Amino acid sequence: TTTAPPVVTHPPGEVKVAVMNGTGVRGRAGRTADALNATGFVTAAKNTQQDRVEASVIYYRPGYGDDAKSVASVLGAPPDIITPAPGTIMTLIRNPGEPADLEEFNIFAVVGTDDVILDRDPPADSG
């Protein structure tokens, strides 16, 4: 059986995705953002996580649930990491120095150490 691709409610070019690196691995947010850019999503890679995060999560604002499914699909992530963004999303993503620049984003992908979001082009030597 084949599965139908997720329905996108907005064209990818109208969906702004902020990618946060919670892995401690340099460049991880950038590589994840590049994978999304390649499919047309508007992204910003932010290494704003102050602490490492074990569980990856994709938060979405109201009206962007189907778009979050598409983001998860592009990133090779399971749909069970998708969750509605709480009202405290700006605090949750731990971006105290520059929260205003992320206010306009629709989806927030936090890359954790659990490796459920695929690293498309990992560095040859991470040590």
C-alpha atoms as a PDB file:
ATOM      1  CA  THR A   1       0.000   0.000   0.000  1.00  0.00           C
ATOM      2  CA  THR A   2       1.120   3.523  -0.717  1.00  0.00           C
ATOM      3  CA  THR A   3       0.366   6.479   1.450  1.00  0.00           C
ATOM      4  CA  ALA A   4      -0.829   9.739   0.010  1.00  0.00           C
ATOM      5  CA  PRO A   5       1.485  12.683   0.655  1.00  0.00           C
ATOM      6  CA  PRO A   6       0.310  15.066   3.367  1.00  0.00           C
ATOM      7  CA  VAL A   7      -2.068  17.800   2.281  1.00  0.00           C
ATOM      8  CA  VAL A   8      -0.424  21.223   2.351  1.00  0.00           C
ATOM      9  CA  THR A   9      -2.798  24.018   3.233  1.00  0.00           C
ATOM     10  CA  HIS A  10      -0.333  26.737   2.235  1.00  0.00           C
ATOM     11  CA  PRO A  11       2.244  26.794  -0.566  1.00  0.00           C
ATOM     12  CA  PRO A  12       5.672  25.989   0.964  1.00  0.00           C
ATOM     13  CA  GLY A  13       6.918  29.468   0.039  1.00  0.00           C
ATOM     14  CA  GLU A  14       4.308  30.940   2.395  1.00  0.00           C
ATOM     15  CA  VAL A  15       5.240  28.726   5.354  1.00  0.00           C
ATOM     16  CA  LYS A  16       7.968  30.079   7.627  1.00  0.00           C
ATOM     17  CA  VAL A  17       9.826  27.410   9.579  1.00  0.00           C
ATOM     18  CA  ALA A  18      12.278  28.225  12.371  1.00  0.00           C
ATOM     19  CA  VAL A  19      14.766  25.429  13.024  1.00  0.00           C
ATOM     20  CA  MET A  20      16.395  25.203  16.446  1.00  0.00           C
ATOM     21  CA  ASN A  21      19.431  23.078  17.219  1.00  0.00           C
ATOM     22  CA  GLY A  22      19.078  21.217  20.505  1.00  0.00           C
ATOM     23  CA  THR A  23      21.734  18.620  19.699  1.00  0.00           C
ATOM     24  CA  GLY A  24      24.960  20.369  20.545  1.00  0.00           C
ATOM     25  CA  VAL A  25      26.208  19.377  17.071  1.00  0.00           C
ATOM     26  CA  ARG A  26      27.510  22.411  15.198  1.00  0.00           C
ATOM     27  CA  GLY A  27      25.607  23.235  11.993  1.00  0.00           C
ATOM     28  CA  ARG A  28      22.721  20.857  12.662  1.00  0.00           C
ATOM     29  CA  ALA A  29      20.027  23.547  12.407  1.00  0.00           C
ATOM     30  CA  GLY A  30      21.538  24.867   9.180  1.00  0.00           C
ATOM     31  CA  ARG A  31      21.565  21.460   7.504  1.00  0.00           C
ATOM     32  CA  THR A  32      17.978  20.829   8.593  1.00  0.00           C
ATOM     33  CA  ALA A  33      16.919  24.240   7.271  1.00  0.00           C
ATOM     34  CA  ASP A  34      18.707  23.521   3.974  1.00  0.00           C
ATOM     35  CA  ALA A  35      16.628  20.352   3.518  1.00  0.00           C
ATOM     36  CA  LEU A  36      13.450  22.410   3.981  1.00  0.00           C
ATOM     37  CA  ASN A  37      14.685  25.223   1.714  1.00  0.00           C
ATOM     38  CA  ALA A  38      15.279  22.669  -1.041  1.00  0.00           C
ATOM     39  CA  THR A  39      11.543  21.911  -1.045  1.00  0.00           C
ATOM     40  CA  GLY A  40      10.482  25.562  -1.026  1.00  0.00           C
ATOM     41  CA  PHE A  41       9.868  26.298   2.650  1.00  0.00           C
ATOM     42  CA  VAL A  42      11.059  29.651   4.030  1.00  0.00           C
ATOM     43  CA  THR A  43      13.410  28.896   6.908  1.00  0.00           C
ATOM     44  CA  ALA A  44      15.672  30.389   9.508  1.00  0.00           C
ATOM     45  CA  ALA A  45      18.267  28.264  11.279  1.00  0.00           C
ATOM     46  CA  LYS A  46      18.710  29.322  14.865  1.00  0.00           C
ATOM     47  CA  ASN A  47      21.146  27.805  17.296  1.00  0.00           C
ATOM     48  CA  THR A  48      19.144  29.223  20.163  1.00  0.00           C
ATOM     49  CA  GLN A  49      18.690  26.209  22.389  1.00  0.00           C
ATOM     50  CA  GLN A  50      20.580  26.948  25.581  1.00  0.00           C
ATOM     51  CA  ASP A  51      20.413  23.316  26.649  1.00  0.00           C
ATOM     52  CA  ARG A  52      20.487  20.061  24.760  1.00  0.00           C
ATOM     53  CA  VAL A  53      17.058  18.679  24.024  1.00  0.00           C
ATOM     54  CA  GLU A  54      16.496  14.937  23.915  1.00  0.00           C
ATOM     55  CA  ALA A  55      13.130  14.773  22.158  1.00  0.00           C
ATOM     56  CA  SER A  56      12.747  16.440  18.760  1.00  0.00           C
ATOM     57  CA  VAL A  57       9.464  18.268  18.291  1.00  0.00           C
ATOM     58  CA  ILE A  58       7.707  20.207  15.543  1.00  0.00           C
ATOM     59  CA  TYR A  59       5.407  22.922  16.879  1.00  0.00           C
ATOM     60  CA  TYR A  60       2.844  24.613  14.658  1.00  0.00           C
ATOM     61  CA  ARG A  61       0.663  27.682  15.011  1.00  0.00           C
ATOM     62  CA  PRO A  62      -3.111  27.466  14.389  1.00  0.00           C
ATOM     63  CA  GLY A  63      -3.921  26.706  10.752  1.00  0.00           C
ATOM     64  CA  TYR A  64      -0.535  25.116  10.014  1.00  0.00           C
ATOM     65  CA  GLY A  65      -1.095  21.528  11.186  1.00  0.00           C
ATOM     66  CA  ASP A  66      -1.066  20.030   7.687  1.00  0.00           C
ATOM     67  CA  ASP A  67       1.992  22.100   6.818  1.00  0.00           C
ATOM     68  CA  ALA A  68       3.725  20.699   9.909  1.00  0.00           C
ATOM     69  CA  LYS A  69       3.016  17.195   8.576  1.00  0.00           C
ATOM     70  CA  SER A  70       4.728  18.155   5.323  1.00  0.00           C
ATOM     71  CA  VAL A  71       7.712  19.549   7.231  1.00  0.00           C
ATOM     72  CA  ALA A  72       7.970  16.298   9.210  1.00  0.00           C
ATOM     73  CA  SER A  73       7.779  14.300   5.988  1.00  0.00           C
ATOM     74  CA  VAL A  74      10.601  16.299   4.374  1.00  0.00           C
ATOM     75  CA  LEU A  75      12.721  15.820   7.498  1.00  0.00           C
ATOM     76  CA  GLY A  76      12.032  12.084   7.686  1.00  0.00           C
ATOM     77  CA  ALA A  77      10.417  12.554  11.089  1.00  0.00           C
ATOM     78  CA  PRO A  78       7.428  10.609  12.430  1.00  0.00           C
ATOM     79  CA  PRO A  79       4.131  12.513  12.703  1.00  0.00           C
ATOM     80  CA  ASP A  80       3.897  11.843  16.437  1.00  0.00           C
ATOM     81  CA  ILE A  81       6.459  14.585  17.155  1.00  0.00           C
ATOM     82  CA  ILE A  82       4.068  17.236  15.767  1.00  0.00           C
ATOM     83  CA  THR A  83       2.178  19.266  18.350  1.00  0.00           C
ATOM     84  CA  PRO A  84       0.295  22.589  18.480  1.00  0.00           C
ATOM     85  CA  ALA A  85       2.512  25.459  19.616  1.00  0.00           C
ATOM     86  CA  PRO A  86       1.640  26.604  23.127  1.00  0.00           C
ATOM     87  CA  GLY A  87       1.090  30.276  23.834  1.00  0.00           C
ATOM     88  CA  THR A  88       4.481  30.251  25.540  1.00  0.00           C
ATOM     89  CA  ILE A  89       6.308  29.065  22.410  1.00  0.00           C
ATOM     90  CA  MET A  90       8.820  31.917  22.481  1.00  0.00           C
ATOM     91  CA  THR A  91       9.846  30.955  26.024  1.00  0.00           C
ATOM     92  CA  LEU A  92       9.778  27.267  25.199  1.00  0.00           C
ATOM     93  CA  ILE A  93      12.279  27.566  22.360  1.00  0.00           C
ATOM     94  CA  ARG A  94      14.581  29.479  24.706  1.00  0.00           C
ATOM     95  CA  ASN A  95      15.359  32.444  22.532  1.00  0.00           C
ATOM     96  CA  PRO A  96      15.528  35.202  25.161  1.00  0.00           C
ATOM     97  CA  GLY A  97      17.873  37.530  23.312  1.00  0.00           C
ATOM     98  CA  GLU A  98      15.945  37.918  20.076  1.00  0.00           C
ATOM     99  CA  PRO A  99      12.378  36.628  20.356  1.00  0.00           C
ATOM    100  CA  ALA A 100      10.870  39.232  18.034  1.00  0.00           C
ATOM    101  CA  ASP A 101      12.580  37.860  14.942  1.00  0.00           C
ATOM    102  CA  LEU A 102      10.797  34.518  15.369  1.00  0.00           C
ATOM    103  CA  GLU A 103       7.304  35.863  16.109  1.00  0.00           C
ATOM    104  CA  GLU A 104       6.332  35.725  12.424  1.00  0.00           C
ATOM    105  CA  PHE A 105       7.163  32.020  12.030  1.00  0.00           C
ATOM    106  CA  ASN A 106       4.400  29.443  11.585  1.00  0.00           C
ATOM    107  CA  ILE A 107       6.295  26.264  12.462  1.00  0.00           C
ATOM    108  CA  PHE A 108       9.143  25.631  14.915  1.00  0.00           C
ATOM    109  CA  ALA A 109      11.260  22.509  14.450  1.00  0.00           C
ATOM    110  CA  VAL A 110      13.411  21.696  17.458  1.00  0.00           C
ATOM    111  CA  VAL A 111      16.060  19.127  16.522  1.00  0.00           C
ATOM    112  CA  GLY A 112      16.813  16.920  19.520  1.00  0.00           C
ATOM    113  CA  THR A 113      19.424  14.309  20.274  1.00  0.00           C
ATOM    114  CA  ASP A 114      16.955  11.456  19.597  1.00  0.00           C
ATOM    115  CA  ASP A 115      17.840  11.469  15.861  1.00  0.00           C
ATOM    116  CA  VAL A 116      14.211  11.264  14.692  1.00  0.00           C
ATOM    117  CA  ILE A 117      14.857  14.261  12.433  1.00  0.00           C
ATOM    118  CA  LEU A 118      17.345  12.987   9.870  1.00  0.00           C
ATOM    119  CA  ASP A 119      20.689  14.718   9.455  1.00  0.00           C
ATOM    120  CA  ARG A 120      20.861  14.977   5.663  1.00  0.00           C
ATOM    121  CA  ASP A 121      24.556  15.772   5.351  1.00  0.00           C
ATOM    122  CA  PRO A 122      26.417  15.140   8.607  1.00  0.00           C
ATOM    123  CA  PRO A 123      30.012  16.313   8.853  1.00  0.00           C
ATOM    124  CA  ALA A 124      32.601  13.642   8.078  1.00  0.00           C
ATOM    125  CA  ASP A 125      34.365  14.222  11.381  1.00  0.00           C
ATOM    126  CA  SER A 126      32.255  15.518  14.253  1.00  0.00           C
ATOM    127  CA  GLY A 127      35.099  15.365  16.783  1.00  0.00           C
END
